[in-house]
Protein backbone atom coordinates (compact mmCIF):
# COMPACT_ATOMS: atom_id res chain seq x y z
CA MET A 1 -23.10 -8.94 18.27
CA ARG A 2 -25.88 -8.81 15.18
CA GLN A 3 -27.19 -5.42 16.48
CA ARG A 4 -23.86 -3.81 16.95
CA ARG A 5 -22.77 -4.82 13.31
CA LEU A 6 -25.82 -3.14 11.94
CA TYR A 7 -24.48 -0.07 13.29
CA PHE A 8 -21.91 0.75 10.65
CA ILE A 9 -23.36 -1.37 7.49
CA GLY A 10 -25.86 1.61 6.97
CA PRO A 11 -23.22 4.23 6.52
CA ILE A 12 -21.21 1.82 4.56
CA VAL A 13 -23.80 1.52 2.04
CA ILE A 14 -24.84 4.67 1.75
CA LEU A 15 -21.37 5.76 0.91
CA LEU A 16 -20.79 2.90 -1.79
CA ALA A 17 -24.16 3.95 -3.55
CA PHE A 18 -23.04 7.88 -3.56
CA ALA A 19 -20.16 7.02 -5.05
CA LEU A 20 -21.10 4.69 -7.50
CA SER A 21 -23.59 7.01 -8.68
CA GLY A 22 -21.29 9.68 -9.99
CA GLU A 23 -20.52 10.06 -13.66
CA ALA A 24 -17.21 10.80 -12.87
CA PHE A 25 -16.62 7.80 -11.47
CA SER A 26 -17.02 5.71 -14.71
CA GLN A 27 -14.92 8.45 -16.64
CA GLN A 28 -11.87 8.79 -14.30
CA ARG A 29 -11.01 5.51 -12.40
CA GLN A 30 -7.85 6.37 -10.95
CA ILE A 31 -6.57 4.16 -8.12
CA GLU A 32 -3.90 5.25 -5.29
CA ILE A 33 -2.76 2.01 -3.16
CA SER A 34 -0.92 3.46 0.14
CA PRO A 35 0.53 0.76 2.46
CA PHE A 36 1.52 2.83 5.50
CA GLY A 37 3.20 2.41 8.99
CA GLY A 38 3.11 4.84 11.95
CA TYR A 39 2.74 5.43 15.60
CA GLN A 40 -0.80 4.84 17.53
CA TRP A 41 -1.64 6.17 20.89
CA SER A 42 -4.81 6.21 23.09
CA THR A 43 -6.31 7.67 26.04
CA ASN A 44 -7.29 5.07 29.05
CA THR A 45 -11.02 3.37 29.24
CA PHE A 46 -12.95 4.14 32.41
CA THR A 47 -14.78 1.10 33.56
CA ASN A 48 -16.80 -0.23 36.59
CA GLY A 49 -14.22 -0.03 39.17
CA GLY A 50 -11.17 1.27 37.43
CA GLU A 51 -9.98 1.98 34.20
CA LEU A 52 -8.07 0.20 31.34
CA ALA A 53 -4.40 1.66 30.67
CA THR A 54 -3.28 1.05 27.19
CA LYS A 55 0.24 1.73 25.93
CA ASN A 56 1.15 3.55 22.59
CA ALA A 57 2.26 1.33 20.17
CA ALA A 58 3.17 0.82 16.23
CA ASN A 59 0.62 0.47 13.44
CA PHE A 60 0.15 -0.78 10.03
CA GLY A 61 -2.13 -0.62 7.33
CA GLY A 62 -3.34 0.16 3.76
CA ALA A 63 -5.75 2.60 1.85
CA ILE A 64 -7.31 2.20 -1.43
CA ASP A 65 -8.49 5.47 -2.65
CA ILE A 66 -10.74 5.50 -6.01
CA MET A 67 -11.53 8.75 -7.97
CA VAL A 68 -14.98 9.63 -7.86
CA GLN A 69 -14.68 13.17 -8.97
CA ARG A 70 -12.16 16.24 -9.17
CA ASP A 71 -9.83 16.08 -6.01
CA LEU A 72 -12.66 13.64 -4.30
CA GLN A 73 -11.83 10.13 -3.94
CA LEU A 74 -13.48 7.31 -2.23
CA GLU A 75 -11.05 5.31 0.51
CA LEU A 76 -11.43 2.15 1.76
CA LEU A 77 -9.11 1.99 4.73
CA TYR A 78 -7.83 -1.02 7.31
CA ILE A 79 -5.63 0.05 10.46
CA TYR A 80 -3.95 -2.43 12.32
CA SER A 81 -2.42 -2.18 16.11
CA PRO A 82 -0.88 -4.66 18.23
CA MET A 83 -1.38 -2.76 21.83
CA GLU A 84 -1.06 -3.64 25.28
CA THR A 85 -3.34 -3.00 27.75
CA ARG A 86 -3.95 -3.72 31.75
CA PHE A 87 -6.84 -2.87 34.22
CA VAL A 88 -5.97 -0.46 37.15
CA SER A 89 -8.30 -1.03 40.07
CA GLN A 90 -9.66 2.02 41.80
CA THR A 91 -11.33 -0.14 44.43
CA ILE A 92 -10.64 -2.72 47.15
CA ALA A 93 -13.35 -4.89 45.36
CA TYR A 94 -11.34 -5.57 42.19
CA PRO A 95 -7.71 -6.46 41.72
CA SER A 96 -5.70 -5.18 39.04
CA SER A 97 -4.11 -6.99 36.27
CA GLN A 98 -1.11 -7.45 34.13
CA TYR A 99 -0.70 -6.18 30.64
CA THR A 100 -1.76 -8.05 28.21
CA ASP A 101 -2.25 -8.24 24.36
CA LEU A 102 -4.97 -5.64 22.84
CA ASN A 103 -5.26 -6.11 19.10
CA VAL A 104 -7.05 -3.21 17.52
CA HIS A 105 -8.40 -3.53 14.13
CA TYR A 106 -10.22 -0.62 12.22
CA MET A 107 -12.00 -1.25 9.05
CA GLN A 108 -13.54 2.03 7.24
CA ILE A 109 -14.92 3.58 4.29
CA GLY A 110 -15.11 7.39 3.69
CA TYR A 111 -13.87 10.25 1.39
CA VAL A 112 -10.49 12.22 0.91
CA LYS A 113 -10.69 15.55 -0.28
CA GLY A 114 -7.28 16.87 -2.09
CA PHE A 115 -6.22 20.27 -2.75
CA LYS A 116 -3.76 20.06 -5.30
CA LYS A 117 -0.93 22.30 -5.03
CA GLY A 118 1.65 21.03 -7.72
CA LYS A 119 3.47 18.15 -6.43
CA VAL A 120 2.36 18.40 -3.24
CA GLU A 121 -1.46 17.73 -2.19
CA PRO A 122 -2.97 18.64 0.98
CA PHE A 123 -5.99 16.68 1.87
CA GLY A 124 -8.67 15.96 4.42
CA ALA A 125 -10.16 12.44 5.27
CA PHE A 126 -13.19 11.49 6.94
CA THR A 127 -14.21 7.80 7.35
CA LEU A 128 -16.71 5.47 8.90
CA GLY A 129 -17.35 2.11 9.68
CA ALA A 130 -16.17 -0.50 12.58
CA VAL A 131 -13.28 -1.43 15.19
CA LEU A 132 -12.59 -4.71 16.54
CA PHE A 133 -10.96 -4.80 19.85
CA SER A 134 -9.47 -8.31 20.37
CA PRO A 135 -7.74 -8.97 24.07
CA GLY A 136 -5.63 -11.55 25.14
CA GLU A 137 -6.12 -13.47 28.41
CA PHE A 138 -5.97 -10.92 31.58
CA VAL A 139 -3.93 -12.08 34.87
CA LEU A 140 -5.12 -10.64 37.83
CA ASP A 141 -3.07 -9.83 40.84
CA ASN A 142 -4.98 -12.38 42.52
CA GLY A 143 -3.77 -15.11 40.53
CA LYS A 144 -7.44 -15.12 38.60
CA LYS A 145 -7.33 -15.52 34.78
CA ILE A 146 -10.13 -13.55 32.84
CA THR A 147 -10.32 -14.26 28.92
CA PRO A 148 -12.67 -11.43 27.53
CA SER A 149 -14.82 -11.60 24.32
CA ASP A 150 -13.98 -9.70 21.22
CA THR A 151 -15.74 -6.62 21.11
CA TRP A 152 -16.96 -4.98 17.69
CA ARG A 153 -17.78 -1.18 17.86
CA PHE A 154 -18.75 1.66 15.46
CA ALA A 155 -15.82 3.78 14.61
CA MET A 156 -15.00 6.91 12.55
CA THR A 157 -11.68 8.60 11.60
CA LEU A 158 -10.98 12.24 11.01
CA GLY A 159 -7.47 13.58 9.91
CA GLY A 160 -5.43 15.33 7.50
CA GLY A 161 -1.99 15.53 5.70
CA ALA A 162 -0.09 15.63 2.53
CA LYS A 163 0.76 13.49 -0.55
CA ILE A 164 3.87 14.31 -2.13
CA PHE A 165 4.29 13.05 -5.87
CA PHE A 166 7.64 12.07 -7.30
CA SER A 167 6.00 11.13 -10.61
CA GLU A 168 2.64 10.62 -11.80
CA LYS A 169 2.75 6.94 -10.46
CA PHE A 170 4.86 7.16 -7.32
CA GLY A 171 4.74 9.11 -3.96
CA ILE A 172 4.74 9.33 -0.30
CA ARG A 173 1.70 10.08 2.21
CA LEU A 174 2.02 11.65 5.64
CA GLN A 175 -1.14 12.10 7.77
CA ALA A 176 -2.04 12.78 11.47
CA ARG A 177 -5.59 10.98 12.26
CA LEU A 178 -8.15 10.72 15.04
CA LEU A 179 -9.43 7.24 15.49
CA ILE A 180 -12.58 7.39 17.42
CA PRO A 181 -14.67 4.18 18.62
CA VAL A 182 -18.27 4.98 19.58
CA TYR A 183 -20.85 2.90 21.39
CA PHE A 184 -24.94 3.32 21.87
CA SER A 185 -26.34 2.52 25.03
CA GLY A 186 -29.61 3.23 24.06
CA ALA A 187 -32.64 4.76 21.35
CA GLY A 188 -35.83 5.84 21.88
CA MET A 189 -38.60 8.05 20.09
CA TYR A 190 -40.69 10.85 21.66
CA VAL A 191 -43.66 12.82 20.55
CA GLY A 192 -44.97 15.84 22.58
CA THR A 193 -47.27 18.83 22.10
CA GLY A 194 -43.75 20.71 20.67
CA GLY A 195 -42.99 17.90 18.12
CA GLY A 196 -41.41 14.58 18.19
CA GLY A 197 -37.93 13.29 17.29
CA LEU A 198 -35.33 10.11 18.05
CA ALA A 199 -33.01 10.35 20.57
CA VAL A 200 -29.74 8.15 20.78
CA THR A 201 -27.29 8.02 23.76
CA GLY A 202 -23.60 6.92 23.95
CA GLY A 203 -20.32 7.76 24.14
CA ILE A 204 -16.69 7.61 23.31
CA PRO A 205 -15.02 4.72 25.39
CA ALA A 206 -11.25 6.02 24.13
CA LEU A 207 -10.01 8.39 22.05
CA MET A 208 -7.23 7.26 19.60
CA GLY A 209 -5.01 8.55 17.15
CA ASP A 210 -2.08 8.19 14.71
CA PHE A 211 0.59 9.69 12.71
CA THR A 212 1.37 7.78 9.68
CA ALA A 213 3.96 7.79 6.66
CA GLY A 214 3.54 5.46 3.84
CA LEU A 215 4.07 5.26 0.04
CA ILE A 216 1.69 5.89 -2.84
CA ILE A 217 1.14 3.37 -5.87
CA ALA A 218 -0.91 4.57 -8.45
CA PRO A 219 -1.17 1.34 -11.03
């Protein structure tokens, strides 16, 4: 568990150091608070002997955007989705299961780049951080019950949308976003006659995404 958490601590420290080092941060401390809600989807996750089929669900969260320089904001992001999932067996060696709860928490930090067009501001956003998958109890078709442990993964988000302002301190935020959990299965260093390098292996267990709408409050 400790090694998994180290995967996203490094990027968070780098992003914070960069943001706090800018002169514009101290000169323009403009903050936007954006509570939001929407719809989250997920692809299936392939596992040994079958796959996890996850239902789409509502999601909720909030973002705090802090101005670091013109049209660039540091974003602290949290997303929660109460999803449901089940194991679908593809072999007689494993039984399938009924649906169980799967609470998904994304905790992220990154940047939002805006392109001001009057009261409408299109933007793109990229964040890095962690995702926590917290499953409930799996009840298998043979009556056996399994309670998996919580799982942390490195994760990132990539999205875009538009901020529409009705006044200097109030507006709405519309956004579409990819939510990308990542796992690392190994790493190694190699040296040869042609040079050297570092190799990291891993993958994306499931691709998620959401469509959200929310308020913008600028205190």
